[in-house]
Amino acid sequence: MRRTTRITIALGAISLIVGGAGVVRAATSGDGDTPITGTDLARASSAALATTSQGRVTGTEVGDEDSYYEVEVTLENGTQVDVQLDTNFHVVKTMTDGDNSADFPATP
């Protein structure tokens, strides 16, 4: 195998490992809670992003104290919004970190 081919394969493997770590980081919460996984992660993320209309999912949790699922969305301005979902992925409430009031209307 040519040297350039081996280098290309090695760089590709490193990219996959680093990129995969970013996906895992986005799916986990920062405090050791159980993250949402699989198709539930996709459904919960979709519901949360539909509620905020912007941002990216930066953390998730199953069995949150406020709801069944919690999805943390970081908005473009850096604000973090916790979107609380029931077992059917319906929005229960939303909160900005450090705030106990609803910031976005819950969708029916």
PDB file of N, CA and C in Angstrom:
ATOM      1  N   MET A   1       0.849  -1.174   0.000  1.00  0.00           N
ATOM      2  CA  MET A   1       0.000   0.000   0.000  1.00  0.00           C
ATOM      3  C   MET A   1       0.894   1.235   0.000  1.00  0.00           C
ATOM      4  N   ARG A   2       0.516   2.197  -0.799  1.00  0.00           N
ATOM      5  CA  ARG A   2       1.306   3.424  -0.905  1.00  0.00           C
ATOM      6  C   ARG A   2       1.188   4.248   0.365  1.00  0.00           C
ATOM      7  N   ARG A   3       2.213   5.004   0.637  1.00  0.00           N
ATOM      8  CA  ARG A   3       2.266   5.814   1.855  1.00  0.00           C
ATOM      9  C   ARG A   3       1.124   6.828   1.894  1.00  0.00           C
ATOM     10  N   THR A   4       0.831   7.483   0.781  1.00  0.00           N
ATOM     11  CA  THR A   4      -0.248   8.475   0.769  1.00  0.00           C
ATOM     12  C   THR A   4      -1.607   7.826   1.033  1.00  0.00           C
ATOM     13  N   THR A   5      -1.786   6.596   0.573  1.00  0.00           N
ATOM     14  CA  THR A   5      -3.047   5.885   0.828  1.00  0.00           C
ATOM     15  C   THR A   5      -3.182   5.584   2.311  1.00  0.00           C
ATOM     16  N   ARG A   6      -2.108   5.145   2.956  1.00  0.00           N
ATOM     17  CA  ARG A   6      -2.150   4.858   4.393  1.00  0.00           C
ATOM     18  C   ARG A   6      -2.428   6.123   5.192  1.00  0.00           C
ATOM     19  N   ILE A   7      -1.822   7.225   4.799  1.00  0.00           N
ATOM     20  CA  ILE A   7      -2.051   8.493   5.501  1.00  0.00           C
ATOM     21  C   ILE A   7      -3.505   8.930   5.336  1.00  0.00           C
ATOM     22  N   THR A   8      -4.040   8.803   4.136  1.00  0.00           N
ATOM     23  CA  THR A   8      -5.438   9.170   3.884  1.00  0.00           C
ATOM     24  C   THR A   8      -6.389   8.327   4.719  1.00  0.00           C
ATOM     25  N   ILE A   9      -6.137   7.027   4.793  1.00  0.00           N
ATOM     26  CA  ILE A   9      -6.980   6.136   5.599  1.00  0.00           C
ATOM     27  C   ILE A   9      -6.887   6.513   7.082  1.00  0.00           C
ATOM     28  N   ALA A  10      -5.693   6.794   7.561  1.00  0.00           N
ATOM     29  CA  ALA A  10      -5.514   7.171   8.967  1.00  0.00           C
ATOM     30  C   ALA A  10      -6.238   8.479   9.282  1.00  0.00           C
ATOM     31  N   LEU A  11      -6.115   9.454   8.397  1.00  0.00           N
ATOM     32  CA  LEU A  11      -6.801  10.730   8.623  1.00  0.00           C
ATOM     33  C   LEU A  11      -8.319  10.561   8.591  1.00  0.00           C
ATOM     34  N   GLY A  12      -8.808   9.696   7.711  1.00  0.00           N
ATOM     35  CA  GLY A  12     -10.243   9.416   7.656  1.00  0.00           C
ATOM     36  C   GLY A  12     -10.735   8.782   8.945  1.00  0.00           C
ATOM     37  N   ALA A  13      -9.968   7.839   9.483  1.00  0.00           N
ATOM     38  CA  ALA A  13     -10.339   7.181  10.743  1.00  0.00           C
ATOM     39  C   ALA A  13     -10.364   8.183  11.886  1.00  0.00           C
ATOM     40  N   ILE A  14      -9.391   9.068  11.948  1.00  0.00           N
ATOM     41  CA  ILE A  14      -9.355  10.094  12.993  1.00  0.00           C
ATOM     42  C   ILE A  14     -10.573  11.008  12.868  1.00  0.00           C
ATOM     43  N   SER A  15     -10.941  11.394  11.664  1.00  0.00           N
ATOM     44  CA  SER A  15     -12.109  12.251  11.462  1.00  0.00           C
ATOM     45  C   SER A  15     -13.386  11.585  11.952  1.00  0.00           C
ATOM     46  N   LEU A  16     -13.519  10.288  11.675  1.00  0.00           N
ATOM     47  CA  LEU A  16     -14.698   9.555  12.139  1.00  0.00           C
ATOM     48  C   LEU A  16     -14.761   9.503  13.650  1.00  0.00           C
ATOM     49  N   ILE A  17     -13.627   9.275  14.293  1.00  0.00           N
ATOM     50  CA  ILE A  17     -13.599   9.203  15.753  1.00  0.00           C
ATOM     51  C   ILE A  17     -13.942  10.556  16.358  1.00  0.00           C
ATOM     52  N   VAL A  18     -13.329  11.625  15.877  1.00  0.00           N
ATOM     53  CA  VAL A  18     -13.588  12.959  16.403  1.00  0.00           C
ATOM     54  C   VAL A  18     -15.027  13.383  16.120  1.00  0.00           C
ATOM     55  N   GLY A  19     -15.527  13.155  14.923  1.00  0.00           N
ATOM     56  CA  GLY A  19     -16.906  13.503  14.582  1.00  0.00           C
ATOM     57  C   GLY A  19     -17.903  12.721  15.400  1.00  0.00           C
ATOM     58  N   GLY A  20     -17.640  11.440  15.618  1.00  0.00           N
ATOM     59  CA  GLY A  20     -18.520  10.610  16.433  1.00  0.00           C
ATOM     60  C   GLY A  20     -18.576  11.089  17.867  1.00  0.00           C
ATOM     61  N   ALA A  21     -17.465  11.570  18.388  1.00  0.00           N
ATOM     62  CA  ALA A  21     -17.452  12.080  19.754  1.00  0.00           C
ATOM     63  C   ALA A  21     -18.347  13.302  19.880  1.00  0.00           C
ATOM     64  N   GLY A  22     -18.408  14.131  18.847  1.00  0.00           N
ATOM     65  CA  GLY A  22     -19.281  15.302  18.876  1.00  0.00           C
ATOM     66  C   GLY A  22     -20.745  14.926  18.914  1.00  0.00           C
ATOM     67  N   VAL A  23     -21.122  13.886  18.174  1.00  0.00           N
ATOM     68  CA  VAL A  23     -22.507  13.416  18.182  1.00  0.00           C
ATOM     69  C   VAL A  23     -22.855  12.865  19.552  1.00  0.00           C
ATOM     70  N   VAL A  24     -21.970  12.076  20.133  1.00  0.00           N
ATOM     71  CA  VAL A  24     -22.226  11.517  21.460  1.00  0.00           C
ATOM     72  C   VAL A  24     -22.337  12.630  22.484  1.00  0.00           C
ATOM     73  N   ARG A  25     -21.471  13.619  22.417  1.00  0.00           N
ATOM     74  CA  ARG A  25     -21.504  14.726  23.354  1.00  0.00           C
ATOM     75  C   ARG A  25     -22.829  15.462  23.269  1.00  0.00           C
ATOM     76  N   ALA A  26     -23.360  15.659  22.081  1.00  0.00           N
ATOM     77  CA  ALA A  26     -24.630  16.359  21.912  1.00  0.00           C
ATOM     78  C   ALA A  26     -25.792  15.547  22.461  1.00  0.00           C
ATOM     79  N   ALA A  27     -25.673  14.243  22.483  1.00  0.00           N
ATOM     80  CA  ALA A  27     -26.768  13.396  22.944  1.00  0.00           C
ATOM     81  C   ALA A  27     -26.745  13.156  24.443  1.00  0.00           C
ATOM     82  N   THR A  28     -25.697  13.566  25.124  1.00  0.00           N
ATOM     83  CA  THR A  28     -25.601  13.305  26.549  1.00  0.00           C
ATOM     84  C   THR A  28     -25.805  14.565  27.350  1.00  0.00           C
ATOM     85  N   SER A  29     -26.232  14.364  28.578  1.00  0.00           N
ATOM     86  CA  SER A  29     -26.329  15.510  29.475  1.00  0.00           C
ATOM     87  C   SER A  29     -25.005  15.649  30.198  1.00  0.00           C
ATOM     88  N   GLY A  30     -24.750  16.803  30.742  1.00  0.00           N
ATOM     89  CA  GLY A  30     -23.468  17.063  31.354  1.00  0.00           C
ATOM     90  C   GLY A  30     -23.348  16.592  32.789  1.00  0.00           C
ATOM     91  N   ASP A  31     -24.414  16.077  33.409  1.00  0.00           N
ATOM     92  CA  ASP A  31     -24.349  15.766  34.826  1.00  0.00           C
ATOM     93  C   ASP A  31     -24.542  14.289  35.148  1.00  0.00           C
ATOM     94  N   GLY A  32     -24.254  13.400  34.196  1.00  0.00           N
ATOM     95  CA  GLY A  32     -24.302  11.983  34.460  1.00  0.00           C
ATOM     96  C   GLY A  32     -25.686  11.361  34.385  1.00  0.00           C
ATOM     97  N   ASP A  33     -26.692  12.100  33.948  1.00  0.00           N
ATOM     98  CA  ASP A  33     -28.029  11.550  33.806  1.00  0.00           C
ATOM     99  C   ASP A  33     -28.104  10.679  32.564  1.00  0.00           C
ATOM    100  N   THR A  34     -29.179   9.907  32.451  1.00  0.00           N
ATOM    101  CA  THR A  34     -29.340   8.992  31.321  1.00  0.00           C
ATOM    102  C   THR A  34     -29.747   9.752  30.073  1.00  0.00           C
ATOM    103  N   PRO A  35     -28.940   9.690  29.002  1.00  0.00           N
ATOM    104  CA  PRO A  35     -29.292  10.401  27.769  1.00  0.00           C
ATOM    105  C   PRO A  35     -30.376   9.663  26.987  1.00  0.00           C
ATOM    106  N   ILE A  36     -31.079  10.393  26.161  1.00  0.00           N
ATOM    107  CA  ILE A  36     -32.046   9.801  25.239  1.00  0.00           C
ATOM    108  C   ILE A  36     -31.246   9.166  24.102  1.00  0.00           C
ATOM    109  N   THR A  37     -31.682   7.992  23.629  1.00  0.00           N
ATOM    110  CA  THR A  37     -30.952   7.308  22.570  1.00  0.00           C
ATOM    111  C   THR A  37     -31.896   6.832  21.469  1.00  0.00           C
ATOM    112  N   GLY A  38     -31.321   6.380  20.373  1.00  0.00           N
ATOM    113  CA  GLY A  38     -32.063   5.744  19.286  1.00  0.00           C
ATOM    114  C   GLY A  38     -33.106   6.632  18.636  1.00  0.00           C
ATOM    115  N   THR A  39     -34.213   6.003  18.246  1.00  0.00           N
ATOM    116  CA  THR A  39     -35.274   6.759  17.574  1.00  0.00           C
ATOM    117  C   THR A  39     -35.931   7.753  18.515  1.00  0.00           C
ATOM    118  N   ASP A  40     -35.917   7.468  19.820  1.00  0.00           N
ATOM    119  CA  ASP A  40     -36.461   8.428  20.779  1.00  0.00           C
ATOM    120  C   ASP A  40     -35.666   9.732  20.755  1.00  0.00           C
ATOM    121  N   LEU A  41     -34.352   9.636  20.579  1.00  0.00           N
ATOM    122  CA  LEU A  41     -33.517  10.833  20.490  1.00  0.00           C
ATOM    123  C   LEU A  41     -33.918  11.670  19.275  1.00  0.00           C
ATOM    124  N   ALA A  42     -34.121  11.022  18.146  1.00  0.00           N
ATOM    125  CA  ALA A  42     -34.513  11.751  16.933  1.00  0.00           C
ATOM    126  C   ALA A  42     -35.878  12.418  17.118  1.00  0.00           C
ATOM    127  N   ARG A  43     -36.832  11.706  17.693  1.00  0.00           N
ATOM    128  CA  ARG A  43     -38.178  12.259  17.884  1.00  0.00           C
ATOM    129  C   ARG A  43     -38.170  13.405  18.902  1.00  0.00           C
ATOM    130  N   ALA A  44     -37.451  13.223  20.002  1.00  0.00           N
ATOM    131  CA  ALA A  44     -37.387  14.264  21.031  1.00  0.00           C
ATOM    132  C   ALA A  44     -36.669  15.509  20.493  1.00  0.00           C
ATOM    133  N   SER A  45     -35.593  15.302  19.767  1.00  0.00           N
ATOM    134  CA  SER A  45     -34.845  16.430  19.191  1.00  0.00           C
ATOM    135  C   SER A  45     -35.712  17.200  18.207  1.00  0.00           C
ATOM    136  N   SER A  46     -36.432  16.484  17.367  1.00  0.00           N
ATOM    137  CA  SER A  46     -37.311  17.115  16.380  1.00  0.00           C
ATOM    138  C   SER A  46     -38.395  17.947  17.060  1.00  0.00           C
ATOM    139  N   ALA A  47     -39.012  17.402  18.095  1.00  0.00           N
ATOM    140  CA  ALA A  47     -40.057  18.134  18.822  1.00  0.00           C
ATOM    141  C   ALA A  47     -39.494  19.379  19.489  1.00  0.00           C
ATOM    142  N   ALA A  48     -38.311  19.260  20.091  1.00  0.00           N
ATOM    143  CA  ALA A  48     -37.705  20.397  20.776  1.00  0.00           C
ATOM    144  C   ALA A  48     -37.320  21.495  19.793  1.00  0.00           C
ATOM    145  N   LEU A  49     -36.705  21.127  18.670  1.00  0.00           N
ATOM    146  CA  LEU A  49     -36.290  22.130  17.689  1.00  0.00           C
ATOM    147  C   LEU A  49     -37.493  22.771  16.997  1.00  0.00           C
ATOM    148  N   ALA A  50     -38.580  22.041  16.843  1.00  0.00           N
ATOM    149  CA  ALA A  50     -39.801  22.627  16.282  1.00  0.00           C
ATOM    150  C   ALA A  50     -40.359  23.679  17.240  1.00  0.00           C
ATOM    151  N   THR A  51     -40.179  23.465  18.523  1.00  0.00           N
ATOM    152  CA  THR A  51     -40.675  24.405  19.531  1.00  0.00           C
ATOM    153  C   THR A  51     -39.844  25.674  19.566  1.00  0.00           C
ATOM    154  N   THR A  52     -38.530  25.546  19.498  1.00  0.00           N
ATOM    155  CA  THR A  52     -37.664  26.726  19.588  1.00  0.00           C
ATOM    156  C   THR A  52     -37.454  27.418  18.248  1.00  0.00           C
ATOM    157  N   SER A  53     -37.732  26.735  17.154  1.00  0.00           N
ATOM    158  CA  SER A  53     -37.584  27.255  15.785  1.00  0.00           C
ATOM    159  C   SER A  53     -36.145  27.569  15.396  1.00  0.00           C
ATOM    160  N   GLN A  54     -35.188  27.233  16.231  1.00  0.00           N
ATOM    161  CA  GLN A  54     -33.784  27.483  15.927  1.00  0.00           C
ATOM    162  C   GLN A  54     -32.919  26.735  16.924  1.00  0.00           C
ATOM    163  N   GLY A  55     -31.631  26.776  16.713  1.00  0.00           N
ATOM    164  CA  GLY A  55     -30.680  26.212  17.664  1.00  0.00           C
ATOM    165  C   GLY A  55     -30.257  24.805  17.333  1.00  0.00           C
ATOM    166  N   ARG A  56     -29.546  24.214  18.297  1.00  0.00           N
ATOM    167  CA  ARG A  56     -29.056  22.847  18.144  1.00  0.00           C
ATOM    168  C   ARG A  56     -29.186  22.136  19.482  1.00  0.00           C
ATOM    169  N   VAL A  57     -29.405  20.839  19.415  1.00  0.00           N
ATOM    170  CA  VAL A  57     -29.538  20.029  20.623  1.00  0.00           C
ATOM    171  C   VAL A  57     -28.153  19.850  21.239  1.00  0.00           C
ATOM    172  N   THR A  58     -28.024  20.221  22.516  1.00  0.00           N
ATOM    173  CA  THR A  58     -26.729  20.123  23.195  1.00  0.00           C
ATOM    174  C   THR A  58     -26.768  19.206  24.407  1.00  0.00           C
ATOM    175  N   GLY A  59     -27.937  18.650  24.731  1.00  0.00           N
ATOM    176  CA  GLY A  59     -28.033  17.712  25.839  1.00  0.00           C
ATOM    177  C   GLY A  59     -29.412  17.094  25.892  1.00  0.00           C
ATOM    178  N   THR A  60     -29.483  15.880  26.413  1.00  0.00           N
ATOM    179  CA  THR A  60     -30.769  15.209  26.558  1.00  0.00           C
ATOM    180  C   THR A  60     -30.779  14.403  27.844  1.00  0.00           C
ATOM    181  N   GLU A  61     -31.993  14.086  28.310  1.00  0.00           N
ATOM    182  CA  GLU A  61     -32.124  13.295  29.526  1.00  0.00           C
ATOM    183  C   GLU A  61     -33.461  12.563  29.524  1.00  0.00           C
ATOM    184  N   VAL A  62     -33.429  11.296  29.923  1.00  0.00           N
ATOM    185  CA  VAL A  62     -34.644  10.520  30.137  1.00  0.00           C
ATOM    186  C   VAL A  62     -34.925  10.528  31.633  1.00  0.00           C
ATOM    187  N   GLY A  63     -36.202  10.702  31.999  1.00  0.00           N
ATOM    188  CA  GLY A  63     -36.571  10.658  33.414  1.00  0.00           C
ATOM    189  C   GLY A  63     -36.187  11.902  34.168  1.00  0.00           C
ATOM    190  N   ASP A  64     -36.260  13.033  33.514  1.00  0.00           N
ATOM    191  CA  ASP A  64     -35.974  14.314  34.159  1.00  0.00           C
ATOM    192  C   ASP A  64     -36.993  14.555  35.269  1.00  0.00           C
ATOM    193  N   GLU A  65     -36.633  15.355  36.257  1.00  0.00           N
ATOM    194  CA  GLU A  65     -37.536  15.624  37.371  1.00  0.00           C
ATOM    195  C   GLU A  65     -38.785  16.406  36.956  1.00  0.00           C
ATOM    196  N   ASP A  66     -38.741  17.104  35.824  1.00  0.00           N
ATOM    197  CA  ASP A  66     -39.881  17.902  35.365  1.00  0.00           C
ATOM    198  C   ASP A  66     -40.732  17.212  34.304  1.00  0.00           C
ATOM    199  N   SER A  67     -40.215  16.178  33.669  1.00  0.00           N
ATOM    200  CA  SER A  67     -40.941  15.522  32.580  1.00  0.00           C
ATOM    201  C   SER A  67     -40.269  14.191  32.260  1.00  0.00           C
ATOM    202  N   TYR A  68     -40.838  13.474  31.307  1.00  0.00           N
ATOM    203  CA  TYR A  68     -40.235  12.193  30.924  1.00  0.00           C
ATOM    204  C   TYR A  68     -38.937  12.401  30.147  1.00  0.00           C
ATOM    205  N   TYR A  69     -38.975  13.323  29.178  1.00  0.00           N
ATOM    206  CA  TYR A  69     -37.775  13.649  28.401  1.00  0.00           C
ATOM    207  C   TYR A  69     -37.447  15.124  28.590  1.00  0.00           C
ATOM    208  N   GLU A  70     -36.158  15.434  28.614  1.00  0.00           N
ATOM    209  CA  GLU A  70     -35.709  16.823  28.577  1.00  0.00           C
ATOM    210  C   GLU A  70     -34.701  16.944  27.449  1.00  0.00           C
ATOM    211  N   VAL A  71     -34.891  17.966  26.622  1.00  0.00           N
ATOM    212  CA  VAL A  71     -33.948  18.240  25.539  1.00  0.00           C
ATOM    213  C   VAL A  71     -33.446  19.663  25.735  1.00  0.00           C
ATOM    214  N   GLU A  72     -32.136  19.800  25.849  1.00  0.00           N
ATOM    215  CA  GLU A  72     -31.529  21.118  25.970  1.00  0.00           C
ATOM    216  C   GLU A  72     -31.163  21.601  24.574  1.00  0.00           C
ATOM    217  N   VAL A  73     -31.652  22.789  24.228  1.00  0.00           N
ATOM    218  CA  VAL A  73     -31.365  23.402  22.928  1.00  0.00           C
ATOM    219  C   VAL A  73     -30.582  24.678  23.181  1.00  0.00           C
ATOM    220  N   THR A  74     -29.460  24.833  22.506  1.00  0.00           N
ATOM    221  CA  THR A  74     -28.695  26.075  22.580  1.00  0.00           C
ATOM    222  C   THR A  74     -29.047  26.906  21.361  1.00  0.00           C
ATOM    223  N   LEU A  75     -29.589  28.100  21.620  1.00  0.00           N
ATOM    224  CA  LEU A  75     -30.010  28.993  20.546  1.00  0.00           C
ATOM    225  C   LEU A  75     -28.801  29.684  19.930  1.00  0.00           C
ATOM    226  N   GLU A  76     -29.023  30.332  18.802  1.00  0.00           N
ATOM    227  CA  GLU A  76     -27.945  31.007  18.081  1.00  0.00           C
ATOM    228  C   GLU A  76     -27.271  32.088  18.920  1.00  0.00           C
ATOM    229  N   ASN A  77     -28.015  32.698  19.863  1.00  0.00           N
ATOM    230  CA  ASN A  77     -27.437  33.751  20.702  1.00  0.00           C
ATOM    231  C   ASN A  77     -26.765  33.195  21.958  1.00  0.00           C
ATOM    232  N   GLY A  78     -26.713  31.855  22.093  1.00  0.00           N
ATOM    233  CA  GLY A  78     -26.059  31.218  23.226  1.00  0.00           C
ATOM    234  C   GLY A  78     -26.990  30.858  24.374  1.00  0.00           C
ATOM    235  N   THR A  79     -28.227  31.322  24.337  1.00  0.00           N
ATOM    236  CA  THR A  79     -29.195  30.998  25.370  1.00  0.00           C
ATOM    237  C   THR A  79     -29.520  29.509  25.325  1.00  0.00           C
ATOM    238  N   GLN A  80     -29.624  28.890  26.488  1.00  0.00           N
ATOM    239  CA  GLN A  80     -29.988  27.478  26.549  1.00  0.00           C
ATOM    240  C   GLN A  80     -31.431  27.351  27.009  1.00  0.00           C
ATOM    241  N   VAL A  81     -32.201  26.554  26.256  1.00  0.00           N
ATOM    242  CA  VAL A  81     -33.610  26.327  26.546  1.00  0.00           C
ATOM    243  C   VAL A  81     -33.811  24.844  26.816  1.00  0.00           C
ATOM    244  N   ASP A  82     -34.439  24.537  27.955  1.00  0.00           N
ATOM    245  CA  ASP A  82     -34.796  23.157  28.273  1.00  0.00           C
ATOM    246  C   ASP A  82     -36.224  22.933  27.812  1.00  0.00           C
ATOM    247  N   VAL A  83     -36.414  21.982  26.916  1.00  0.00           N
ATOM    248  CA  VAL A  83     -37.739  21.636  26.411  1.00  0.00           C
ATOM    249  C   VAL A  83     -38.141  20.325  27.083  1.00  0.00           C
ATOM    250  N   GLN A  84     -39.223  20.382  27.850  1.00  0.00           N
ATOM    251  CA  GLN A  84     -39.726  19.221  28.579  1.00  0.00           C
ATOM    252  C   GLN A  84     -40.797  18.531  27.734  1.00  0.00           C
ATOM    253  N   LEU A  85     -40.670  17.205  27.577  1.00  0.00           N
ATOM    254  CA  LEU A  85     -41.583  16.427  26.745  1.00  0.00           C
ATOM    255  C   LEU A  85     -42.186  15.281  27.542  1.00  0.00           C
ATOM    256  N   ASP A  86     -43.429  14.905  27.203  1.00  0.00           N
ATOM    257  CA  ASP A  86     -44.035  13.728  27.824  1.00  0.00           C
ATOM    258  C   ASP A  86     -43.632  12.471  27.051  1.00  0.00           C
ATOM    259  N   THR A  87     -44.197  11.330  27.417  1.00  0.00           N
ATOM    260  CA  THR A  87     -43.816  10.060  26.787  1.00  0.00           C
ATOM    261  C   THR A  87     -44.215   9.970  25.325  1.00  0.00           C
ATOM    262  N   ASN A  88     -45.132  10.851  24.887  1.00  0.00           N
ATOM    263  CA  ASN A  88     -45.557  10.880  23.485  1.00  0.00           C
ATOM    264  C   ASN A  88     -44.870  11.996  22.700  1.00  0.00           C
ATOM    265  N   PHE A  89     -43.829  12.582  23.275  1.00  0.00           N
ATOM    266  CA  PHE A  89     -43.027  13.639  22.649  1.00  0.00           C
ATOM    267  C   PHE A  89     -43.821  14.931  22.456  1.00  0.00           C
ATOM    268  N   HIS A  90     -44.816  15.168  23.303  1.00  0.00           N
ATOM    269  CA  HIS A  90     -45.551  16.430  23.299  1.00  0.00           C
ATOM    270  C   HIS A  90     -44.880  17.361  24.304  1.00  0.00           C
ATOM    271  N   VAL A  91     -44.781  18.638  23.949  1.00  0.00           N
ATOM    272  CA  VAL A  91     -44.140  19.613  24.821  1.00  0.00           C
ATOM    273  C   VAL A  91     -44.995  19.844  26.056  1.00  0.00           C
ATOM    274  N   VAL A  92     -44.384  19.700  27.222  1.00  0.00           N
ATOM    275  CA  VAL A  92     -45.042  19.956  28.500  1.00  0.00           C
ATOM    276  C   VAL A  92     -44.791  21.401  28.914  1.00  0.00           C
ATOM    277  N   LYS A  93     -43.524  21.828  28.809  1.00  0.00           N
ATOM    278  CA  LYS A  93     -43.148  23.212  29.103  1.00  0.00           C
ATOM    279  C   LYS A  93     -41.739  23.456  28.597  1.00  0.00           C
ATOM    280  N   THR A  94     -41.364  24.718  28.543  1.00  0.00           N
ATOM    281  CA  THR A  94     -40.008  25.101  28.174  1.00  0.00           C
ATOM    282  C   THR A  94     -39.500  26.085  29.207  1.00  0.00           C
ATOM    283  N   MET A  95     -38.196  26.050  29.432  1.00  0.00           N
ATOM    284  CA  MET A  95     -37.581  26.961  30.389  1.00  0.00           C
ATOM    285  C   MET A  95     -36.201  27.356  29.889  1.00  0.00           C
ATOM    286  N   THR A  96     -35.866  28.618  30.097  1.00  0.00           N
ATOM    287  CA  THR A  96     -34.500  29.058  29.870  1.00  0.00           C
ATOM    288  C   THR A  96     -33.705  28.667  31.099  1.00  0.00           C
ATOM    289  N   ASP A  97     -32.478  28.205  30.936  1.00  0.00           N
ATOM    290  CA  ASP A  97     -31.676  27.804  32.098  1.00  0.00           C
ATOM    291  C   ASP A  97     -31.676  28.902  33.154  1.00  0.00           C
ATOM    292  N   GLY A  98     -31.925  28.500  34.393  1.00  0.00           N
ATOM    293  CA  GLY A  98     -31.950  29.436  35.505  1.00  0.00           C
ATOM    294  C   GLY A  98     -33.281  30.132  35.676  1.00  0.00           C
ATOM    295  N   ASP A  99     -34.251  29.799  34.857  1.00  0.00           N
ATOM    296  CA  ASP A  99     -35.573  30.422  34.905  1.00  0.00           C
ATOM    297  C   ASP A  99     -36.608  29.338  35.097  1.00  0.00           C
ATOM    298  N   ASN A 100     -37.649  29.605  35.838  1.00  0.00           N
ATOM    299  CA  ASN A 100     -38.703  28.617  36.063  1.00  0.00           C
ATOM    300  C   ASN A 100     -39.968  28.928  35.291  1.00  0.00           C
ATOM    301  N   SER A 101     -39.932  29.906  34.405  1.00  0.00           N
ATOM    302  CA  SER A 101     -41.135  30.258  33.655  1.00  0.00           C
ATOM    303  C   SER A 101     -41.043  29.753  32.224  1.00  0.00           C
ATOM    304  N   ALA A 102     -42.182  29.575  31.604  1.00  0.00           N
ATOM    305  CA  ALA A 102     -42.218  29.116  30.213  1.00  0.00           C
ATOM    306  C   ALA A 102     -41.760  30.248  29.296  1.00  0.00           C
ATOM    307  N   ASP A 103     -40.894  29.919  28.348  1.00  0.00           N
ATOM    308  CA  ASP A 103     -40.357  30.908  27.416  1.00  0.00           C
ATOM    309  C   ASP A 103     -40.959  30.763  26.027  1.00  0.00           C
ATOM    310  N   PHE A 104     -41.419  29.591  25.699  1.00  0.00           N
ATOM    311  CA  PHE A 104     -41.986  29.317  24.390  1.00  0.00           C
ATOM    312  C   PHE A 104     -43.361  28.701  24.630  1.00  0.00           C
ATOM    313  N   PRO A 105     -44.325  28.999  23.810  1.00  0.00           N
ATOM    314  CA  PRO A 105     -45.624  28.371  24.027  1.00  0.00           C
ATOM    315  C   PRO A 105     -45.543  26.871  23.763  1.00  0.00           C
ATOM    316  N   ALA A 106     -46.169  26.096  24.625  1.00  0.00           N
ATOM    317  CA  ALA A 106     -46.239  24.652  24.407  1.00  0.00           C
ATOM    318  C   ALA A 106     -47.160  24.386  23.241  1.00  0.00           C
ATOM    319  N   THR A 107     -46.766  23.466  22.390  1.00  0.00           N
ATOM    320  CA  THR A 107     -47.596  23.132  21.237  1.00  0.00           C
ATOM    321  C   THR A 107     -48.610  22.068  21.636  1.00  0.00           C
ATOM    322  N   PRO A 108     -49.800  22.128  21.056  1.00  0.00           N
ATOM    323  CA  PRO A 108     -50.824  21.128  21.420  1.00  0.00           C
ATOM    324  C   PRO A 108     -50.452  19.742  20.940  1.00  0.00           C
TER     325      PRO A 108
END
